[in-house]
Amino acid sequence: MAITAHSCRANAEDCARQARLSVHPHASAAYQELVRAWLVLADTAEQLTKLRRVERAKPAITAKAA
């Protein structure tokens, strides 16, 4: 299963919802930390996707061309 930015953001939203519903302050804080971590992972996944697109767009260098 691939990790996508979309799935990471969905998980962040789920954690934010749990943070709002939690009555225990420590649990709420832990969910907020998870929100931040999922968003960092989403940003990283987006950056990697962009890098892959750039790499695919580059022309292949063959031994003859080098």
Protein backbone atom coordinates (compact mmCIF):
# COMPACT_ATOMS: atom_id res chain seq x y z
CA MET A 1 0.00 0.00 0.00
CA ALA A 2 1.44 3.34 -1.05
CA ILE A 3 1.51 6.25 1.33
CA THR A 4 -0.10 9.23 -0.35
CA ALA A 5 -0.35 12.83 0.76
CA HIS A 6 -4.13 12.48 0.56
CA SER A 7 -4.22 9.49 2.94
CA CYS A 8 -1.87 11.26 5.37
CA ARG A 9 -4.08 14.35 5.41
CA ALA A 10 -7.15 12.15 5.97
CA ASN A 11 -5.40 10.55 8.95
CA ALA A 12 -4.52 14.01 10.28
CA GLU A 13 -8.18 14.99 10.05
CA ASP A 14 -9.19 11.83 11.93
CA CYS A 15 -6.68 12.60 14.67
CA ALA A 16 -7.90 16.20 14.90
CA ARG A 17 -11.45 14.92 15.28
CA GLN A 18 -10.34 12.55 18.05
CA ALA A 19 -8.50 15.41 19.76
CA ARG A 20 -11.68 17.47 19.79
CA LEU A 21 -13.72 14.55 21.15
CA SER A 22 -11.24 13.55 23.82
CA VAL A 23 -12.09 14.55 27.38
CA HIS A 24 -8.62 13.77 28.70
CA PRO A 25 -6.15 16.63 28.10
CA HIS A 26 -3.16 14.30 27.69
CA ALA A 27 -4.98 12.22 25.08
CA SER A 28 -6.02 15.38 23.26
CA ALA A 29 -2.42 16.62 23.25
CA ALA A 30 -1.20 13.26 21.95
CA TYR A 31 -3.72 13.39 19.12
CA GLN A 32 -2.53 16.92 18.28
CA GLU A 33 1.04 15.62 18.05
CA LEU A 34 -0.19 12.93 15.68
CA VAL A 35 -1.89 15.60 13.57
CA ARG A 36 1.42 17.43 13.20
CA ALA A 37 3.27 14.21 12.37
CA TRP A 38 0.71 13.19 9.70
CA LEU A 39 0.93 16.63 8.12
CA VAL A 40 4.74 16.45 7.99
CA LEU A 41 4.44 13.04 6.36
CA ALA A 42 1.89 14.42 3.87
CA ASP A 43 4.24 17.27 2.93
CA THR A 44 7.10 14.82 2.52
CA ALA A 45 4.99 12.55 0.32
CA GLU A 46 4.08 15.53 -1.87
CA GLN A 47 7.74 16.53 -2.20
CA LEU A 48 8.74 13.00 -3.17
CA THR A 49 5.96 12.82 -5.74
CA LYS A 50 7.16 16.08 -7.29
CA LEU A 51 10.76 14.83 -7.38
CA ARG A 52 9.68 11.61 -9.09
CA ARG A 53 7.82 13.61 -11.73
CA VAL A 54 10.90 15.73 -12.39
CA GLU A 55 13.12 12.64 -12.61
CA ARG A 56 10.74 10.99 -15.09
CA ALA A 57 10.68 14.13 -17.23
CA LYS A 58 14.47 14.20 -17.60
CA PRO A 59 15.80 12.59 -20.77
CA ALA A 60 17.66 9.34 -20.20
CA ILE A 61 21.43 9.56 -20.64
CA THR A 62 22.84 6.57 -22.47
CA ALA A 63 26.45 5.36 -22.58
CA LYS A 64 26.75 6.63 -26.18
CA ALA A 65 25.52 10.11 -25.23
CA ALA A 66 27.96 10.34 -22.35
